[in-house]
């Protein structure tokens, strides 16, 4: 499994090209679309940006806190649990969103849809003991 420093380095390069090209470079991984999620660091208070695969569900966006199947939650999810407000960049558009963890019923509906788009999530879930959260980003109104 890749270490945290390598993941951060790859994410920084991905973010750079995504922002520079408005998502033309880095806007997809295979069939899955990519967004840039910016959270507020729970310790530093500074903005932290992570490229993530997502699925559209009506006006909501669905992301998966898989952390590649690690037994640790990804930092962005821990940050969102501390402060659920986030900025999302889709292409060149920026939106303010509020995150919440999907309940069991909603996760049951969304999980097959998102694993249909990116089957590796099933492998990540088998690799870890933790229940991987499905996170719903809802537009702030």
N, C-alpha and C. Protein backbone atom coordinates (compact mmCIF):
# COMPACT_ATOMS: atom_id res chain seq x y z
N UNK A 1 0.85 -1.18 0.00
CA UNK A 1 0.00 0.00 0.00
C UNK A 1 0.90 1.24 0.00
N UNK A 2 0.56 2.26 -0.80
CA UNK A 2 1.40 3.46 -0.86
C UNK A 2 1.42 4.19 0.49
N UNK A 3 2.54 4.84 0.77
CA UNK A 3 2.61 5.57 2.04
C UNK A 3 1.98 6.96 1.89
N UNK A 4 1.74 7.59 3.02
CA UNK A 4 1.03 8.88 3.05
C UNK A 4 1.75 9.97 2.28
N UNK A 5 3.10 9.99 2.37
CA UNK A 5 3.86 11.04 1.67
C UNK A 5 3.72 10.88 0.15
N UNK A 6 3.74 9.65 -0.33
CA UNK A 6 3.58 9.41 -1.75
C UNK A 6 2.18 9.83 -2.21
N UNK A 7 1.16 9.48 -1.44
CA UNK A 7 -0.22 9.86 -1.77
C UNK A 7 -0.34 11.37 -1.81
N UNK A 8 0.24 12.05 -0.84
CA UNK A 8 0.16 13.52 -0.81
C UNK A 8 0.85 14.13 -2.03
N UNK A 9 2.01 13.57 -2.41
CA UNK A 9 2.72 14.07 -3.59
C UNK A 9 1.93 13.89 -4.86
N UNK A 10 1.38 12.70 -5.05
CA UNK A 10 0.57 12.43 -6.25
C UNK A 10 -0.67 13.32 -6.25
N UNK A 11 -1.30 13.49 -5.10
CA UNK A 11 -2.49 14.35 -5.00
C UNK A 11 -2.16 15.81 -5.35
N UNK A 12 -1.01 16.29 -4.90
CA UNK A 12 -0.62 17.68 -5.18
C UNK A 12 -0.42 17.90 -6.69
N UNK A 13 0.23 16.94 -7.35
CA UNK A 13 0.41 17.04 -8.80
C UNK A 13 -0.93 16.97 -9.51
N UNK A 14 -1.80 16.07 -9.07
CA UNK A 14 -3.13 15.94 -9.65
C UNK A 14 -3.90 17.25 -9.50
N UNK A 15 -3.89 17.81 -8.29
CA UNK A 15 -4.58 19.08 -8.04
C UNK A 15 -4.04 20.19 -8.94
N UNK A 16 -2.72 20.29 -9.07
CA UNK A 16 -2.11 21.33 -9.90
C UNK A 16 -2.65 21.27 -11.33
N UNK A 17 -2.60 20.09 -11.96
CA UNK A 17 -3.04 19.97 -13.35
C UNK A 17 -4.55 20.14 -13.49
N UNK A 18 -5.30 19.67 -12.51
CA UNK A 18 -6.76 19.84 -12.53
C UNK A 18 -7.10 21.33 -12.51
N UNK A 19 -6.52 22.05 -11.56
CA UNK A 19 -6.81 23.50 -11.45
C UNK A 19 -6.35 24.25 -12.69
N UNK A 20 -5.15 23.95 -13.18
CA UNK A 20 -4.59 24.63 -14.35
C UNK A 20 -5.47 24.46 -15.58
N UNK A 21 -6.03 23.26 -15.76
CA UNK A 21 -6.78 22.96 -16.98
C UNK A 21 -8.29 22.94 -16.77
N UNK A 22 -8.75 23.29 -15.58
CA UNK A 22 -10.18 23.24 -15.30
C UNK A 22 -10.73 21.82 -15.39
N UNK A 23 -9.90 20.85 -15.05
CA UNK A 23 -10.33 19.46 -15.04
C UNK A 23 -10.14 18.72 -16.35
N UNK A 24 -9.64 19.40 -17.39
CA UNK A 24 -9.37 18.68 -18.64
C UNK A 24 -8.29 17.62 -18.44
N UNK A 25 -7.30 17.94 -17.61
CA UNK A 25 -6.30 16.96 -17.20
C UNK A 25 -6.62 16.63 -15.74
N UNK A 26 -6.83 15.35 -15.47
CA UNK A 26 -7.11 14.92 -14.10
C UNK A 26 -8.57 14.92 -13.73
N UNK A 27 -9.45 15.19 -14.68
CA UNK A 27 -10.88 15.25 -14.40
C UNK A 27 -11.57 13.90 -14.42
N UNK A 28 -10.85 12.86 -14.78
CA UNK A 28 -11.40 11.50 -14.81
C UNK A 28 -10.31 10.50 -14.46
N UNK A 29 -10.73 9.42 -13.84
CA UNK A 29 -9.88 8.25 -13.64
C UNK A 29 -10.70 7.09 -14.22
N UNK A 30 -10.32 6.66 -15.41
CA UNK A 30 -11.13 5.66 -16.11
C UNK A 30 -12.50 6.25 -16.41
N UNK A 31 -13.54 5.56 -15.98
CA UNK A 31 -14.91 6.05 -16.19
C UNK A 31 -15.38 6.99 -15.09
N UNK A 32 -14.60 7.12 -14.03
CA UNK A 32 -15.03 7.88 -12.86
C UNK A 32 -14.61 9.35 -12.94
N UNK A 33 -15.55 10.28 -12.72
CA UNK A 33 -15.18 11.69 -12.68
C UNK A 33 -14.47 12.04 -11.38
N UNK A 34 -13.70 13.12 -11.42
CA UNK A 34 -12.90 13.57 -10.28
C UNK A 34 -13.29 15.00 -9.92
N UNK A 35 -13.38 15.28 -8.64
CA UNK A 35 -13.58 16.63 -8.12
C UNK A 35 -12.41 16.98 -7.23
N UNK A 36 -12.28 18.25 -6.92
CA UNK A 36 -11.31 18.69 -5.91
C UNK A 36 -12.11 19.08 -4.68
N UNK A 37 -11.81 18.44 -3.56
CA UNK A 37 -12.48 18.72 -2.29
C UNK A 37 -11.54 19.52 -1.41
N UNK A 38 -11.98 20.68 -0.95
CA UNK A 38 -11.18 21.49 -0.03
C UNK A 38 -11.89 21.55 1.31
N UNK A 39 -11.20 21.04 2.33
CA UNK A 39 -11.71 21.06 3.70
C UNK A 39 -10.84 22.00 4.52
N UNK A 40 -11.26 22.25 5.74
CA UNK A 40 -10.46 23.04 6.67
C UNK A 40 -9.73 22.09 7.61
N UNK A 41 -8.42 22.20 7.65
CA UNK A 41 -7.62 21.33 8.53
C UNK A 41 -8.06 21.49 9.97
N UNK A 42 -8.35 20.39 10.63
CA UNK A 42 -8.87 20.45 12.00
C UNK A 42 -7.84 20.95 12.99
N UNK A 43 -6.56 20.76 12.71
CA UNK A 43 -5.50 21.22 13.60
C UNK A 43 -4.94 22.57 13.15
N UNK A 44 -4.69 22.70 11.83
CA UNK A 44 -4.03 23.90 11.31
C UNK A 44 -5.01 25.03 11.00
N UNK A 45 -6.27 24.68 10.70
CA UNK A 45 -7.23 25.69 10.27
C UNK A 45 -7.00 26.14 8.83
N UNK A 46 -6.04 25.50 8.15
CA UNK A 46 -5.71 25.87 6.77
C UNK A 46 -6.49 25.02 5.78
N UNK A 47 -6.71 25.54 4.57
CA UNK A 47 -7.41 24.75 3.55
C UNK A 47 -6.56 23.57 3.10
N UNK A 48 -7.22 22.42 2.93
CA UNK A 48 -6.57 21.18 2.49
C UNK A 48 -7.37 20.64 1.31
N UNK A 49 -6.71 20.44 0.18
CA UNK A 49 -7.41 20.00 -1.04
C UNK A 49 -6.98 18.60 -1.43
N UNK A 50 -7.97 17.81 -1.82
CA UNK A 50 -7.75 16.42 -2.22
C UNK A 50 -8.57 16.12 -3.47
N UNK A 51 -7.96 15.55 -4.51
CA UNK A 51 -8.75 15.08 -5.64
C UNK A 51 -9.41 13.75 -5.27
N UNK A 52 -10.71 13.64 -5.58
CA UNK A 52 -11.47 12.44 -5.23
C UNK A 52 -12.41 12.05 -6.35
N UNK A 53 -12.62 10.76 -6.51
CA UNK A 53 -13.65 10.28 -7.41
C UNK A 53 -15.00 10.63 -6.80
N UNK A 54 -15.98 10.87 -7.66
CA UNK A 54 -17.31 11.17 -7.14
C UNK A 54 -18.37 10.64 -8.09
N UNK A 55 -19.59 10.60 -7.56
CA UNK A 55 -20.76 10.24 -8.34
C UNK A 55 -21.83 11.27 -8.06
N UNK A 56 -22.51 11.70 -9.09
CA UNK A 56 -23.63 12.65 -8.94
C UNK A 56 -24.87 11.87 -8.52
N UNK A 57 -25.61 12.40 -7.56
CA UNK A 57 -26.89 11.82 -7.13
C UNK A 57 -27.88 12.97 -6.98
N UNK A 58 -28.55 13.29 -8.07
CA UNK A 58 -29.40 14.49 -8.07
C UNK A 58 -28.51 15.71 -7.94
N UNK A 59 -28.81 16.58 -6.97
CA UNK A 59 -27.97 17.76 -6.72
C UNK A 59 -26.78 17.44 -5.81
N UNK A 60 -26.81 16.26 -5.20
CA UNK A 60 -25.76 15.86 -4.26
C UNK A 60 -24.60 15.20 -5.01
N UNK A 61 -23.45 15.21 -4.36
CA UNK A 61 -22.26 14.51 -4.84
C UNK A 61 -21.90 13.46 -3.80
N UNK A 62 -21.52 12.28 -4.26
CA UNK A 62 -21.20 11.18 -3.37
C UNK A 62 -19.72 10.86 -3.50
N UNK A 63 -19.03 10.81 -2.37
CA UNK A 63 -17.61 10.46 -2.33
C UNK A 63 -17.43 9.34 -1.31
N UNK A 64 -16.32 8.62 -1.42
CA UNK A 64 -16.09 7.45 -0.58
C UNK A 64 -14.81 7.67 0.24
N UNK A 65 -14.92 7.51 1.55
CA UNK A 65 -13.78 7.71 2.45
C UNK A 65 -12.98 6.41 2.59
N UNK A 66 -12.49 5.90 1.44
CA UNK A 66 -11.84 4.59 1.43
C UNK A 66 -10.40 4.62 1.91
N UNK A 67 -9.69 5.69 1.61
CA UNK A 67 -8.27 5.80 1.93
C UNK A 67 -7.51 4.57 1.40
N UNK A 68 -7.92 4.11 0.22
CA UNK A 68 -7.24 2.98 -0.43
C UNK A 68 -7.34 1.67 0.34
N UNK A 69 -8.33 1.57 1.23
CA UNK A 69 -8.48 0.35 2.02
C UNK A 69 -7.67 0.34 3.30
N UNK A 70 -7.11 1.49 3.65
CA UNK A 70 -6.33 1.61 4.90
C UNK A 70 -7.26 1.46 6.11
N UNK A 71 -6.70 1.06 7.23
CA UNK A 71 -7.49 0.99 8.46
C UNK A 71 -7.71 2.37 9.08
N UNK A 72 -7.08 3.38 8.51
CA UNK A 72 -7.26 4.77 8.97
C UNK A 72 -8.24 5.49 8.05
N UNK A 73 -9.07 6.34 8.64
CA UNK A 73 -9.91 7.21 7.83
C UNK A 73 -9.01 8.22 7.12
N UNK A 74 -9.38 8.65 5.91
CA UNK A 74 -8.60 9.70 5.25
C UNK A 74 -8.71 11.01 6.03
N UNK A 75 -7.65 11.80 5.98
CA UNK A 75 -7.63 13.07 6.72
C UNK A 75 -8.80 13.96 6.31
N UNK A 76 -9.16 13.97 5.02
CA UNK A 76 -10.25 14.85 4.59
C UNK A 76 -11.56 14.49 5.28
N UNK A 77 -11.79 13.20 5.56
CA UNK A 77 -13.02 12.79 6.24
C UNK A 77 -12.99 13.19 7.71
N UNK A 78 -11.83 13.04 8.35
CA UNK A 78 -11.70 13.47 9.74
C UNK A 78 -11.92 14.99 9.83
N UNK A 79 -11.38 15.74 8.85
CA UNK A 79 -11.60 17.18 8.82
C UNK A 79 -13.08 17.51 8.66
N UNK A 80 -13.77 16.80 7.78
CA UNK A 80 -15.20 17.06 7.56
C UNK A 80 -16.05 16.71 8.78
N UNK A 81 -15.63 15.71 9.53
CA UNK A 81 -16.38 15.38 10.75
C UNK A 81 -16.23 16.50 11.78
N UNK A 82 -15.10 17.19 11.73
CA UNK A 82 -14.86 18.33 12.63
C UNK A 82 -15.60 19.57 12.14
N UNK A 83 -15.59 19.81 10.83
CA UNK A 83 -16.27 20.95 10.20
C UNK A 83 -16.83 20.47 8.86
N UNK A 84 -18.15 20.27 8.76
CA UNK A 84 -18.73 19.67 7.56
C UNK A 84 -18.79 20.57 6.33
N UNK A 85 -18.42 21.83 6.45
CA UNK A 85 -18.42 22.71 5.27
C UNK A 85 -17.19 22.45 4.42
N UNK A 86 -17.40 22.46 3.12
CA UNK A 86 -16.29 22.21 2.19
C UNK A 86 -16.54 22.96 0.89
N UNK A 87 -15.46 23.19 0.16
CA UNK A 87 -15.57 23.70 -1.20
C UNK A 87 -15.26 22.56 -2.16
N UNK A 88 -16.03 22.49 -3.22
CA UNK A 88 -15.82 21.48 -4.24
C UNK A 88 -15.58 22.20 -5.55
N UNK A 89 -14.58 21.74 -6.29
CA UNK A 89 -14.36 22.25 -7.64
C UNK A 89 -14.68 21.13 -8.62
N UNK A 90 -15.61 21.44 -9.54
CA UNK A 90 -16.00 20.54 -10.63
C UNK A 90 -15.64 21.26 -11.91
N UNK A 91 -14.60 20.80 -12.58
CA UNK A 91 -14.12 21.55 -13.74
C UNK A 91 -13.64 22.91 -13.26
N UNK A 92 -14.25 23.98 -13.77
CA UNK A 92 -13.89 25.33 -13.30
C UNK A 92 -14.88 25.89 -12.29
N UNK A 93 -15.97 25.17 -12.07
CA UNK A 93 -17.02 25.63 -11.15
C UNK A 93 -16.66 25.28 -9.71
N UNK A 94 -16.91 26.23 -8.81
CA UNK A 94 -16.67 26.00 -7.39
C UNK A 94 -17.98 26.12 -6.63
N UNK A 95 -18.21 25.16 -5.74
CA UNK A 95 -19.46 25.11 -4.98
C UNK A 95 -19.16 24.95 -3.50
N UNK A 96 -20.00 25.55 -2.66
CA UNK A 96 -19.90 25.34 -1.22
C UNK A 96 -20.88 24.24 -0.86
N UNK A 97 -20.37 23.24 -0.15
CA UNK A 97 -21.16 22.06 0.18
C UNK A 97 -21.09 21.78 1.67
N UNK A 98 -22.01 20.95 2.12
CA UNK A 98 -22.02 20.47 3.50
C UNK A 98 -22.02 18.94 3.44
N UNK A 99 -21.11 18.33 4.18
CA UNK A 99 -20.93 16.88 4.15
C UNK A 99 -21.70 16.20 5.26
N UNK A 100 -22.20 15.01 4.93
CA UNK A 100 -22.77 14.15 5.95
C UNK A 100 -22.54 12.69 5.56
N UNK A 101 -22.41 11.86 6.57
CA UNK A 101 -22.22 10.43 6.35
C UNK A 101 -23.58 9.83 5.99
N UNK A 102 -23.59 9.01 4.94
CA UNK A 102 -24.82 8.33 4.56
C UNK A 102 -25.22 7.34 5.64
N UNK A 103 -26.51 7.30 5.93
CA UNK A 103 -27.03 6.28 6.84
C UNK A 103 -27.01 4.92 6.16
N UNK A 104 -27.34 3.90 6.91
CA UNK A 104 -27.26 2.52 6.40
C UNK A 104 -28.13 2.32 5.15
N UNK A 105 -29.35 2.83 5.17
CA UNK A 105 -30.25 2.64 4.03
C UNK A 105 -29.73 3.37 2.79
N UNK A 106 -29.30 4.61 3.00
CA UNK A 106 -28.77 5.39 1.87
C UNK A 106 -27.48 4.78 1.33
N UNK A 107 -26.62 4.31 2.23
CA UNK A 107 -25.39 3.64 1.78
C UNK A 107 -25.75 2.39 0.99
N UNK A 108 -26.74 1.65 1.44
CA UNK A 108 -27.16 0.45 0.73
C UNK A 108 -27.61 0.74 -0.69
N UNK A 109 -28.21 1.90 -0.90
CA UNK A 109 -28.63 2.30 -2.25
C UNK A 109 -27.46 2.79 -3.08
N UNK A 110 -26.55 3.56 -2.46
CA UNK A 110 -25.47 4.22 -3.21
C UNK A 110 -24.27 3.31 -3.49
N UNK A 111 -23.94 2.41 -2.55
CA UNK A 111 -22.73 1.60 -2.69
C UNK A 111 -22.69 0.83 -4.01
N UNK A 112 -23.75 0.12 -4.41
CA UNK A 112 -23.69 -0.61 -5.68
C UNK A 112 -23.53 0.32 -6.89
N UNK A 113 -24.08 1.51 -6.81
CA UNK A 113 -23.95 2.47 -7.92
C UNK A 113 -22.51 2.94 -8.05
N UNK A 114 -21.89 3.28 -6.94
CA UNK A 114 -20.53 3.81 -7.01
C UNK A 114 -19.52 2.71 -7.29
N UNK A 115 -19.76 1.49 -6.79
CA UNK A 115 -18.84 0.39 -7.12
C UNK A 115 -19.05 -0.09 -8.55
N UNK A 116 -20.21 0.18 -9.11
CA UNK A 116 -20.41 -0.09 -10.53
C UNK A 116 -19.54 0.81 -11.39
N UNK A 117 -19.30 2.02 -10.90
CA UNK A 117 -18.44 2.97 -11.59
C UNK A 117 -16.96 2.70 -11.30
N UNK A 118 -16.66 2.31 -10.07
CA UNK A 118 -15.27 2.10 -9.64
C UNK A 118 -15.22 0.86 -8.75
N UNK A 119 -15.12 -0.34 -9.34
CA UNK A 119 -15.20 -1.61 -8.58
C UNK A 119 -14.12 -1.78 -7.51
N UNK A 120 -13.03 -1.05 -7.59
CA UNK A 120 -11.95 -1.19 -6.60
C UNK A 120 -12.44 -0.90 -5.18
N UNK A 121 -13.51 -0.11 -5.02
CA UNK A 121 -14.01 0.18 -3.67
C UNK A 121 -14.39 -1.10 -2.94
N UNK A 122 -14.93 -2.09 -3.65
CA UNK A 122 -15.26 -3.37 -2.99
C UNK A 122 -14.00 -4.03 -2.43
N UNK A 123 -12.91 -3.99 -3.19
CA UNK A 123 -11.64 -4.53 -2.71
C UNK A 123 -11.11 -3.77 -1.52
N UNK A 124 -11.27 -2.44 -1.55
CA UNK A 124 -10.82 -1.63 -0.40
C UNK A 124 -11.60 -2.03 0.85
N UNK A 125 -12.92 -2.25 0.71
CA UNK A 125 -13.72 -2.62 1.87
C UNK A 125 -13.29 -3.97 2.43
N UNK A 126 -12.95 -4.91 1.55
CA UNK A 126 -12.49 -6.23 2.01
C UNK A 126 -11.14 -6.13 2.71
N UNK A 127 -10.32 -5.15 2.34
CA UNK A 127 -8.97 -5.02 2.86
C UNK A 127 -8.93 -4.44 4.28
N UNK A 128 -9.98 -3.74 4.69
CA UNK A 128 -9.95 -3.06 5.98
C UNK A 128 -11.02 -3.60 6.91
N UNK A 129 -10.78 -3.43 8.21
CA UNK A 129 -11.77 -3.82 9.22
C UNK A 129 -12.82 -2.74 9.43
N UNK A 130 -12.50 -1.50 9.07
CA UNK A 130 -13.46 -0.41 9.32
C UNK A 130 -14.53 -0.40 8.23
N UNK A 131 -15.68 0.11 8.58
CA UNK A 131 -16.76 0.28 7.60
C UNK A 131 -16.45 1.57 6.84
N UNK A 132 -16.21 1.47 5.55
CA UNK A 132 -15.85 2.64 4.76
C UNK A 132 -17.06 3.55 4.60
N UNK A 133 -16.94 4.80 5.04
CA UNK A 133 -18.08 5.72 4.94
C UNK A 133 -18.36 6.16 3.51
N UNK A 134 -19.65 6.25 3.21
CA UNK A 134 -20.13 6.91 2.02
C UNK A 134 -20.50 8.31 2.47
N UNK A 135 -19.92 9.32 1.83
CA UNK A 135 -20.10 10.70 2.24
C UNK A 135 -20.91 11.43 1.18
N UNK A 136 -21.95 12.12 1.63
CA UNK A 136 -22.80 12.88 0.73
C UNK A 136 -22.49 14.36 0.90
N UNK A 137 -22.18 15.01 -0.21
CA UNK A 137 -21.95 16.45 -0.21
C UNK A 137 -23.22 17.11 -0.75
N UNK A 138 -23.85 17.91 0.08
CA UNK A 138 -25.09 18.59 -0.31
C UNK A 138 -24.81 20.07 -0.50
N UNK A 139 -25.35 20.66 -1.59
CA UNK A 139 -25.14 22.10 -1.80
C UNK A 139 -25.68 22.91 -0.64
N UNK A 140 -24.93 23.94 -0.24
CA UNK A 140 -25.43 24.86 0.78
C UNK A 140 -26.47 25.75 0.13
N UNK A 141 -27.53 25.95 0.79
CA UNK A 141 -28.62 26.76 0.20
C UNK A 141 -28.67 28.13 0.81
